[in-house]
Amino acid sequence: KNNTGVDLRQLFIGSEGTLGVITEA
């Protein structure tokens, strides 16, 4: 649970590497 505003994590999931490079999960 983390209800502190926009969940930026979800922007990168499914973004096909166009917004950032995922290095760890």
mmCIF file of all heavy atoms, coordinates in Angstrom:
data_MODEL
# 
_entry.id   MODEL 
# 
loop_
_atom_site.group_PDB 
_atom_site.id 
_atom_site.type_symbol 
_atom_site.label_atom_id 
_atom_site.label_alt_id 
_atom_site.label_comp_id 
_atom_site.label_asym_id 
_atom_site.label_entity_id 
_atom_site.label_seq_id 
_atom_site.pdbx_PDB_ins_code 
_atom_site.Cartn_x 
_atom_site.Cartn_y 
_atom_site.Cartn_z 
_atom_site.occupancy 
_atom_site.B_iso_or_equiv 
_atom_site.pdbx_formal_charge 
_atom_site.auth_seq_id 
_atom_site.auth_comp_id 
_atom_site.auth_asym_id 
_atom_site.auth_atom_id 
_atom_site.pdbx_PDB_model_num 
ATOM 1   N N   . LYS A 1 1  ? 0.855  -1.195 0.000   1.00 0.00 ? 1  LYS A N   1 
ATOM 2   C CA  . LYS A 1 1  ? 0.000  0.000  0.000   1.00 0.00 ? 1  LYS A CA  1 
ATOM 3   C C   . LYS A 1 1  ? 0.883  1.235  0.000   1.00 0.00 ? 1  LYS A C   1 
ATOM 4   O O   . LYS A 1 1  ? 1.855  1.329  0.756   1.00 0.00 ? 1  LYS A O   1 
ATOM 5   C CB  . LYS A 1 1  ? -0.905 0.021  1.234   1.00 0.00 ? 1  LYS A CB  1 
ATOM 6   C CG  . LYS A 1 1  ? -2.056 -0.965 1.189   1.00 0.00 ? 1  LYS A CG  1 
ATOM 7   C CD  . LYS A 1 1  ? -2.975 -0.756 2.387   1.00 0.00 ? 1  LYS A CD  1 
ATOM 8   C CE  . LYS A 1 1  ? -4.232 -1.600 2.276   1.00 0.00 ? 1  LYS A CE  1 
ATOM 9   N NZ  . LYS A 1 1  ? -5.133 -1.374 3.428   1.00 0.00 ? 1  LYS A NZ  1 
ATOM 10  N N   . ASN A 1 2  ? 0.541  2.195  -0.848  1.00 0.00 ? 2  ASN A N   1 
ATOM 11  C CA  . ASN A 1 2  ? 1.297  3.439  -0.919  1.00 0.00 ? 2  ASN A CA  1 
ATOM 12  C C   . ASN A 1 2  ? 0.420  4.478  -1.600  1.00 0.00 ? 2  ASN A C   1 
ATOM 13  O O   . ASN A 1 2  ? 0.462  4.644  -2.821  1.00 0.00 ? 2  ASN A O   1 
ATOM 14  C CB  . ASN A 1 2  ? 2.606  3.237  -1.683  1.00 0.00 ? 2  ASN A CB  1 
ATOM 15  C CG  . ASN A 1 2  ? 3.453  4.499  -1.713  1.00 0.00 ? 2  ASN A CG  1 
ATOM 16  O OD1 . ASN A 1 2  ? 3.099  5.506  -1.121  1.00 0.00 ? 2  ASN A OD1 1 
ATOM 17  N ND2 . ASN A 1 2  ? 4.565  4.437  -2.421  1.00 0.00 ? 2  ASN A ND2 1 
ATOM 18  N N   . ASN A 1 3  ? -0.376 5.157  -0.830  1.00 0.00 ? 3  ASN A N   1 
ATOM 19  C CA  . ASN A 1 3  ? -1.368 6.083  -1.382  1.00 0.00 ? 3  ASN A CA  1 
ATOM 20  C C   . ASN A 1 3  ? -0.849 7.514  -1.274  1.00 0.00 ? 3  ASN A C   1 
ATOM 21  O O   . ASN A 1 3  ? -1.361 8.336  -0.517  1.00 0.00 ? 3  ASN A O   1 
ATOM 22  C CB  . ASN A 1 3  ? -2.683 5.920  -0.617  1.00 0.00 ? 3  ASN A CB  1 
ATOM 23  C CG  . ASN A 1 3  ? -3.845 6.549  -1.371  1.00 0.00 ? 3  ASN A CG  1 
ATOM 24  O OD1 . ASN A 1 3  ? -3.708 6.946  -2.520  1.00 0.00 ? 3  ASN A OD1 1 
ATOM 25  N ND2 . ASN A 1 3  ? -4.983 6.651  -0.725  1.00 0.00 ? 3  ASN A ND2 1 
ATOM 26  N N   . THR A 1 4  ? 0.226  7.802  -2.043  1.00 0.00 ? 4  THR A N   1 
ATOM 27  C CA  . THR A 1 4  ? 0.881  9.111  -1.949  1.00 0.00 ? 4  THR A CA  1 
ATOM 28  C C   . THR A 1 4  ? 0.932  9.796  -3.307  1.00 0.00 ? 4  THR A C   1 
ATOM 29  O O   . THR A 1 4  ? 1.965  10.343 -3.699  1.00 0.00 ? 4  THR A O   1 
ATOM 30  C CB  . THR A 1 4  ? 2.309  8.953  -1.380  1.00 0.00 ? 4  THR A CB  1 
ATOM 31  O OG1 . THR A 1 4  ? 3.036  8.011  -2.173  1.00 0.00 ? 4  THR A OG1 1 
ATOM 32  C CG2 . THR A 1 4  ? 2.292  8.489  0.064   1.00 0.00 ? 4  THR A CG2 1 
ATOM 33  N N   . GLY A 1 5  ? -0.150 9.750  -4.018  1.00 0.00 ? 5  GLY A N   1 
ATOM 34  C CA  . GLY A 1 5  ? -0.196 10.446 -5.301  1.00 0.00 ? 5  GLY A CA  1 
ATOM 35  C C   . GLY A 1 5  ? -0.028 9.511  -6.477  1.00 0.00 ? 5  GLY A C   1 
ATOM 36  O O   . GLY A 1 5  ? -0.223 8.303  -6.381  1.00 0.00 ? 5  GLY A O   1 
ATOM 37  N N   . VAL A 1 6  ? 0.342  10.073 -7.615  1.00 0.00 ? 6  VAL A N   1 
ATOM 38  C CA  . VAL A 1 6  ? 0.434  9.316  -8.864  1.00 0.00 ? 6  VAL A CA  1 
ATOM 39  C C   . VAL A 1 6  ? 1.441  8.177  -8.723  1.00 0.00 ? 6  VAL A C   1 
ATOM 40  O O   . VAL A 1 6  ? 2.557  8.371  -8.237  1.00 0.00 ? 6  VAL A O   1 
ATOM 41  C CB  . VAL A 1 6  ? 0.855  10.244 -10.024 1.00 0.00 ? 6  VAL A CB  1 
ATOM 42  C CG1 . VAL A 1 6  ? 1.075  9.436  -11.293 1.00 0.00 ? 6  VAL A CG1 1 
ATOM 43  C CG2 . VAL A 1 6  ? -0.202 11.316 -10.253 1.00 0.00 ? 6  VAL A CG2 1 
ATOM 44  N N   . ASP A 1 7  ? 1.049  6.989  -9.141  1.00 0.00 ? 7  ASP A N   1 
ATOM 45  C CA  . ASP A 1 7  ? 1.918  5.806  -9.090  1.00 0.00 ? 7  ASP A CA  1 
ATOM 46  C C   . ASP A 1 7  ? 2.770  5.780  -10.353 1.00 0.00 ? 7  ASP A C   1 
ATOM 47  O O   . ASP A 1 7  ? 2.369  5.230  -11.380 1.00 0.00 ? 7  ASP A O   1 
ATOM 48  C CB  . ASP A 1 7  ? 1.057  4.549  -8.980  1.00 0.00 ? 7  ASP A CB  1 
ATOM 49  C CG  . ASP A 1 7  ? 1.881  3.295  -8.731  1.00 0.00 ? 7  ASP A CG  1 
ATOM 50  O OD1 . ASP A 1 7  ? 3.126  3.379  -8.800  1.00 0.00 ? 7  ASP A OD1 1 
ATOM 51  O OD2 . ASP A 1 7  ? 1.291  2.231  -8.488  1.00 0.00 ? 7  ASP A OD2 1 
ATOM 52  N N   . LEU A 1 8  ? 3.960  6.409  -10.301 1.00 0.00 ? 8  LEU A N   1 
ATOM 53  C CA  . LEU A 1 8  ? 4.818  6.484  -11.480 1.00 0.00 ? 8  LEU A CA  1 
ATOM 54  C C   . LEU A 1 8  ? 5.235  5.111  -11.980 1.00 0.00 ? 8  LEU A C   1 
ATOM 55  O O   . LEU A 1 8  ? 5.477  4.928  -13.178 1.00 0.00 ? 8  LEU A O   1 
ATOM 56  C CB  . LEU A 1 8  ? 6.065  7.317  -11.161 1.00 0.00 ? 8  LEU A CB  1 
ATOM 57  C CG  . LEU A 1 8  ? 5.847  8.809  -10.906 1.00 0.00 ? 8  LEU A CG  1 
ATOM 58  C CD1 . LEU A 1 8  ? 7.153  9.470  -10.503 1.00 0.00 ? 8  LEU A CD1 1 
ATOM 59  C CD2 . LEU A 1 8  ? 5.256  9.491  -12.127 1.00 0.00 ? 8  LEU A CD2 1 
ATOM 60  N N   . ARG A 1 9  ? 5.321  4.146  -11.052 1.00 0.00 ? 9  ARG A N   1 
ATOM 61  C CA  . ARG A 1 9  ? 5.688  2.773  -11.458 1.00 0.00 ? 9  ARG A CA  1 
ATOM 62  C C   . ARG A 1 9  ? 4.822  2.286  -12.612 1.00 0.00 ? 9  ARG A C   1 
ATOM 63  O O   . ARG A 1 9  ? 5.317  1.665  -13.560 1.00 0.00 ? 9  ARG A O   1 
ATOM 64  C CB  . ARG A 1 9  ? 5.521  1.873  -10.234 1.00 0.00 ? 9  ARG A CB  1 
ATOM 65  C CG  . ARG A 1 9  ? 5.485  0.397  -10.473 1.00 0.00 ? 9  ARG A CG  1 
ATOM 66  C CD  . ARG A 1 9  ? 5.067  -0.328 -9.205  1.00 0.00 ? 9  ARG A CD  1 
ATOM 67  N NE  . ARG A 1 9  ? 3.841  0.232  -8.653  1.00 0.00 ? 9  ARG A NE  1 
ATOM 68  C CZ  . ARG A 1 9  ? 2.945  -0.468 -7.952  1.00 0.00 ? 9  ARG A CZ  1 
ATOM 69  N NH1 . ARG A 1 9  ? 3.145  -1.733 -7.702  1.00 0.00 ? 9  ARG A NH1 1 
ATOM 70  N NH2 . ARG A 1 9  ? 1.860  0.116  -7.478  1.00 0.00 ? 9  ARG A NH2 1 
ATOM 71  N N   . GLN A 1 10 ? 3.533  2.580  -12.558 1.00 0.00 ? 10 GLN A N   1 
ATOM 72  C CA  . GLN A 1 10 ? 2.635  2.053  -13.585 1.00 0.00 ? 10 GLN A CA  1 
ATOM 73  C C   . GLN A 1 10 ? 2.859  2.687  -14.950 1.00 0.00 ? 10 GLN A C   1 
ATOM 74  O O   . GLN A 1 10 ? 2.524  2.101  -15.975 1.00 0.00 ? 10 GLN A O   1 
ATOM 75  C CB  . GLN A 1 10 ? 1.172  2.247  -13.148 1.00 0.00 ? 10 GLN A CB  1 
ATOM 76  C CG  . GLN A 1 10 ? 0.774  1.455  -11.909 1.00 0.00 ? 10 GLN A CG  1 
ATOM 77  C CD  . GLN A 1 10 ? 0.831  -0.045 -12.124 1.00 0.00 ? 10 GLN A CD  1 
ATOM 78  O OE1 . GLN A 1 10 ? 0.842  -0.528 -13.258 1.00 0.00 ? 10 GLN A OE1 1 
ATOM 79  N NE2 . GLN A 1 10 ? 0.861  -0.801 -11.030 1.00 0.00 ? 10 GLN A NE2 1 
ATOM 80  N N   . LEU A 1 11 ? 3.449  3.901  -14.980 1.00 0.00 ? 11 LEU A N   1 
ATOM 81  C CA  . LEU A 1 11 ? 3.733  4.529  -16.273 1.00 0.00 ? 11 LEU A CA  1 
ATOM 82  C C   . LEU A 1 11 ? 4.786  3.754  -17.054 1.00 0.00 ? 11 LEU A C   1 
ATOM 83  O O   . LEU A 1 11 ? 4.747  3.703  -18.285 1.00 0.00 ? 11 LEU A O   1 
ATOM 84  C CB  . LEU A 1 11 ? 4.212  5.967  -16.073 1.00 0.00 ? 11 LEU A CB  1 
ATOM 85  C CG  . LEU A 1 11 ? 3.204  6.968  -15.513 1.00 0.00 ? 11 LEU A CG  1 
ATOM 86  C CD1 . LEU A 1 11 ? 3.856  8.331  -15.386 1.00 0.00 ? 11 LEU A CD1 1 
ATOM 87  C CD2 . LEU A 1 11 ? 1.967  7.065  -16.412 1.00 0.00 ? 11 LEU A CD2 1 
ATOM 88  N N   . PHE A 1 12 ? 5.742  3.165  -16.318 1.00 0.00 ? 12 PHE A N   1 
ATOM 89  C CA  . PHE A 1 12 ? 6.837  2.462  -17.002 1.00 0.00 ? 12 PHE A CA  1 
ATOM 90  C C   . PHE A 1 12 ? 6.449  1.044  -17.403 1.00 0.00 ? 12 PHE A C   1 
ATOM 91  O O   . PHE A 1 12 ? 7.028  0.483  -18.333 1.00 0.00 ? 12 PHE A O   1 
ATOM 92  C CB  . PHE A 1 12 ? 8.075  2.440  -16.098 1.00 0.00 ? 12 PHE A CB  1 
ATOM 93  C CG  . PHE A 1 12 ? 8.660  3.798  -15.865 1.00 0.00 ? 12 PHE A CG  1 
ATOM 94  C CD1 . PHE A 1 12 ? 8.361  4.506  -14.714 1.00 0.00 ? 12 PHE A CD1 1 
ATOM 95  C CD2 . PHE A 1 12 ? 9.478  4.390  -16.813 1.00 0.00 ? 12 PHE A CD2 1 
ATOM 96  C CE1 . PHE A 1 12 ? 8.889  5.767  -14.499 1.00 0.00 ? 12 PHE A CE1 1 
ATOM 97  C CE2 . PHE A 1 12 ? 9.999  5.654  -16.613 1.00 0.00 ? 12 PHE A CE2 1 
ATOM 98  C CZ  . PHE A 1 12 ? 9.704  6.348  -15.447 1.00 0.00 ? 12 PHE A CZ  1 
ATOM 99  N N   . ILE A 1 13 ? 5.486  0.449  -16.703 1.00 0.00 ? 13 ILE A N   1 
ATOM 100 C CA  . ILE A 1 13 ? 5.038  -0.902 -17.060 1.00 0.00 ? 13 ILE A CA  1 
ATOM 101 C C   . ILE A 1 13 ? 4.225  -0.809 -18.353 1.00 0.00 ? 13 ILE A C   1 
ATOM 102 O O   . ILE A 1 13 ? 3.211  -0.125 -18.424 1.00 0.00 ? 13 ILE A O   1 
ATOM 103 C CB  . ILE A 1 13 ? 4.196  -1.518 -15.930 1.00 0.00 ? 13 ILE A CB  1 
ATOM 104 C CG1 . ILE A 1 13 ? 5.015  -1.606 -14.642 1.00 0.00 ? 13 ILE A CG1 1 
ATOM 105 C CG2 . ILE A 1 13 ? 3.692  -2.908 -16.338 1.00 0.00 ? 13 ILE A CG2 1 
ATOM 106 C CD1 . ILE A 1 13 ? 4.219  -2.080 -13.431 1.00 0.00 ? 13 ILE A CD1 1 
ATOM 107 N N   . GLY A 1 14 ? 4.694  -1.467 -19.379 1.00 0.00 ? 14 GLY A N   1 
ATOM 108 C CA  . GLY A 1 14 ? 4.022  -1.415 -20.676 1.00 0.00 ? 14 GLY A CA  1 
ATOM 109 C C   . GLY A 1 14 ? 4.458  -0.275 -21.570 1.00 0.00 ? 14 GLY A C   1 
ATOM 110 O O   . GLY A 1 14 ? 3.909  -0.107 -22.664 1.00 0.00 ? 14 GLY A O   1 
ATOM 111 N N   . SER A 1 15 ? 5.459  0.512  -21.163 1.00 0.00 ? 15 SER A N   1 
ATOM 112 C CA  . SER A 1 15 ? 5.868  1.672  -21.971 1.00 0.00 ? 15 SER A CA  1 
ATOM 113 C C   . SER A 1 15 ? 6.897  1.321  -23.037 1.00 0.00 ? 15 SER A C   1 
ATOM 114 O O   . SER A 1 15 ? 7.337  2.191  -23.784 1.00 0.00 ? 15 SER A O   1 
ATOM 115 C CB  . SER A 1 15 ? 6.422  2.776  -21.071 1.00 0.00 ? 15 SER A CB  1 
ATOM 116 O OG  . SER A 1 15 ? 7.631  2.365  -20.461 1.00 0.00 ? 15 SER A OG  1 
ATOM 117 N N   . GLU A 1 16 ? 7.322  0.064  -23.108 1.00 0.00 ? 16 GLU A N   1 
ATOM 118 C CA  . GLU A 1 16 ? 8.211  -0.437 -24.156 1.00 0.00 ? 16 GLU A CA  1 
ATOM 119 C C   . GLU A 1 16 ? 9.556  0.294  -24.213 1.00 0.00 ? 16 GLU A C   1 
ATOM 120 O O   . GLU A 1 16 ? 10.126 0.510  -25.289 1.00 0.00 ? 16 GLU A O   1 
ATOM 121 C CB  . GLU A 1 16 ? 7.520  -0.405 -25.527 1.00 0.00 ? 16 GLU A CB  1 
ATOM 122 C CG  . GLU A 1 16 ? 6.258  -1.267 -25.575 1.00 0.00 ? 16 GLU A CG  1 
ATOM 123 C CD  . GLU A 1 16 ? 5.654  -1.394 -26.963 1.00 0.00 ? 16 GLU A CD  1 
ATOM 124 O OE1 . GLU A 1 16 ? 6.411  -1.611 -27.919 1.00 0.00 ? 16 GLU A OE1 1 
ATOM 125 O OE2 . GLU A 1 16 ? 4.422  -1.264 -27.080 1.00 0.00 ? 16 GLU A OE2 1 
ATOM 126 N N   . GLY A 1 17 ? 10.057 0.696  -23.051 1.00 0.00 ? 17 GLY A N   1 
ATOM 127 C CA  . GLY A 1 17 ? 11.371 1.318  -23.006 1.00 0.00 ? 17 GLY A CA  1 
ATOM 128 C C   . GLY A 1 17 ? 11.442 2.701  -23.587 1.00 0.00 ? 17 GLY A C   1 
ATOM 129 O O   . GLY A 1 17 ? 12.538 3.201  -23.874 1.00 0.00 ? 17 GLY A O   1 
ATOM 130 N N   . THR A 1 18 ? 10.331 3.369  -23.742 1.00 0.00 ? 18 THR A N   1 
ATOM 131 C CA  . THR A 1 18 ? 10.324 4.708  -24.335 1.00 0.00 ? 18 THR A CA  1 
ATOM 132 C C   . THR A 1 18 ? 10.429 5.815  -23.295 1.00 0.00 ? 18 THR A C   1 
ATOM 133 O O   . THR A 1 18 ? 10.713 6.964  -23.646 1.00 0.00 ? 18 THR A O   1 
ATOM 134 C CB  . THR A 1 18 ? 9.054  4.937  -25.168 1.00 0.00 ? 18 THR A CB  1 
ATOM 135 O OG1 . THR A 1 18 ? 7.903  4.820  -24.310 1.00 0.00 ? 18 THR A OG1 1 
ATOM 136 C CG2 . THR A 1 18 ? 8.953  3.940  -26.304 1.00 0.00 ? 18 THR A CG2 1 
ATOM 137 N N   . LEU A 1 19 ? 10.187 5.507  -22.015 1.00 0.00 ? 19 LEU A N   1 
ATOM 138 C CA  . LEU A 1 19 ? 10.202 6.529  -20.965 1.00 0.00 ? 19 LEU A CA  1 
ATOM 139 C C   . LEU A 1 19 ? 11.392 6.390  -20.024 1.00 0.00 ? 19 LEU A C   1 
ATOM 140 O O   . LEU A 1 19 ? 11.813 7.361  -19.405 1.00 0.00 ? 19 LEU A O   1 
ATOM 141 C CB  . LEU A 1 19 ? 8.908  6.471  -20.144 1.00 0.00 ? 19 LEU A CB  1 
ATOM 142 C CG  . LEU A 1 19 ? 7.590  6.641  -20.902 1.00 0.00 ? 19 LEU A CG  1 
ATOM 143 C CD1 . LEU A 1 19 ? 6.413  6.588  -19.938 1.00 0.00 ? 19 LEU A CD1 1 
ATOM 144 C CD2 . LEU A 1 19 ? 7.578  7.941  -21.693 1.00 0.00 ? 19 LEU A CD2 1 
ATOM 145 N N   . GLY A 1 20 ? 11.920 5.195  -19.868 1.00 0.00 ? 20 GLY A N   1 
ATOM 146 C CA  . GLY A 1 20 ? 13.038 4.949  -18.973 1.00 0.00 ? 20 GLY A CA  1 
ATOM 147 C C   . GLY A 1 20 ? 13.503 3.520  -19.104 1.00 0.00 ? 20 GLY A C   1 
ATOM 148 O O   . GLY A 1 20 ? 12.821 2.684  -19.718 1.00 0.00 ? 20 GLY A O   1 
ATOM 149 N N   . VAL A 1 21 ? 14.663 3.219  -18.516 1.00 0.00 ? 21 VAL A N   1 
ATOM 150 C CA  . VAL A 1 21 ? 15.231 1.873  -18.566 1.00 0.00 ? 21 VAL A CA  1 
ATOM 151 C C   . VAL A 1 21 ? 14.980 1.197  -17.225 1.00 0.00 ? 21 VAL A C   1 
ATOM 152 O O   . VAL A 1 21 ? 15.479 1.646  -16.189 1.00 0.00 ? 21 VAL A O   1 
ATOM 153 C CB  . VAL A 1 21 ? 16.736 1.916  -18.861 1.00 0.00 ? 21 VAL A CB  1 
ATOM 154 C CG1 . VAL A 1 21 ? 17.320 0.498  -18.864 1.00 0.00 ? 21 VAL A CG1 1 
ATOM 155 C CG2 . VAL A 1 21 ? 16.997 2.600  -20.200 1.00 0.00 ? 21 VAL A CG2 1 
ATOM 156 N N   . ILE A 1 22 ? 14.209 0.120  -17.237 1.00 0.00 ? 22 ILE A N   1 
ATOM 157 C CA  . ILE A 1 22 ? 13.954 -0.653 -16.023 1.00 0.00 ? 22 ILE A CA  1 
ATOM 158 C C   . ILE A 1 22 ? 15.211 -1.449 -15.695 1.00 0.00 ? 22 ILE A C   1 
ATOM 159 O O   . ILE A 1 22 ? 15.734 -2.177 -16.547 1.00 0.00 ? 22 ILE A O   1 
ATOM 160 C CB  . ILE A 1 22 ? 12.751 -1.589 -16.226 1.00 0.00 ? 22 ILE A CB  1 
ATOM 161 C CG1 . ILE A 1 22 ? 11.475 -0.767 -16.428 1.00 0.00 ? 22 ILE A CG1 1 
ATOM 162 C CG2 . ILE A 1 22 ? 12.585 -2.545 -15.038 1.00 0.00 ? 22 ILE A CG2 1 
ATOM 163 C CD1 . ILE A 1 22 ? 10.293 -1.572 -16.932 1.00 0.00 ? 22 ILE A CD1 1 
ATOM 164 N N   . THR A 1 23 ? 15.711 -1.296 -14.460 1.00 0.00 ? 23 THR A N   1 
ATOM 165 C CA  . THR A 1 23 ? 16.938 -1.990 -14.074 1.00 0.00 ? 23 THR A CA  1 
ATOM 166 C C   . THR A 1 23 ? 16.718 -3.035 -12.991 1.00 0.00 ? 23 THR A C   1 
ATOM 167 O O   . THR A 1 23 ? 17.551 -3.933 -12.822 1.00 0.00 ? 23 THR A O   1 
ATOM 168 C CB  . THR A 1 23 ? 17.998 -0.980 -13.596 1.00 0.00 ? 23 THR A CB  1 
ATOM 169 O OG1 . THR A 1 23 ? 17.420 -0.137 -12.585 1.00 0.00 ? 23 THR A OG1 1 
ATOM 170 C CG2 . THR A 1 23 ? 18.484 -0.124 -14.756 1.00 0.00 ? 23 THR A CG2 1 
ATOM 171 N N   . GLU A 1 24 ? 15.615 -2.923 -12.249 1.00 0.00 ? 24 GLU A N   1 
ATOM 172 C CA  . GLU A 1 24 ? 15.361 -3.865 -11.152 1.00 0.00 ? 24 GLU A CA  1 
ATOM 173 C C   . GLU A 1 24 ? 13.882 -3.822 -10.802 1.00 0.00 ? 24 GLU A C   1 
ATOM 174 O O   . GLU A 1 24 ? 13.225 -2.796 -11.009 1.00 0.00 ? 24 GLU A O   1 
ATOM 175 C CB  . GLU A 1 24 ? 16.203 -3.472 -9.933  1.00 0.00 ? 24 GLU A CB  1 
ATOM 176 C CG  . GLU A 1 24 ? 16.218 -4.474 -8.798  1.00 0.00 ? 24 GLU A CG  1 
ATOM 177 C CD  . GLU A 1 24 ? 17.194 -4.047 -7.708  1.00 0.00 ? 24 GLU A CD  1 
ATOM 178 O OE1 . GLU A 1 24 ? 16.788 -3.245 -6.834  1.00 0.00 ? 24 GLU A OE1 1 
ATOM 179 O OE2 . GLU A 1 24 ? 18.369 -4.497 -7.744  1.00 0.00 ? 24 GLU A OE2 1 
ATOM 180 N N   . ALA A 1 25 ? 13.367 -4.926 -10.272 1.00 0.00 ? 25 ALA A N   1 
ATOM 181 C CA  . ALA A 1 25 ? 11.955 -4.973 -9.898  1.00 0.00 ? 25 ALA A CA  1 
ATOM 182 C C   . ALA A 1 25 ? 11.769 -5.810 -8.648  1.00 0.00 ? 25 ALA A C   1 
ATOM 183 O O   . ALA A 1 25 ? 12.432 -6.835 -8.466  1.00 0.00 ? 25 ALA A O   1 
ATOM 184 C CB  . ALA A 1 25 ? 11.119 -5.557 -11.042 1.00 0.00 ? 25 ALA A CB  1 
# 
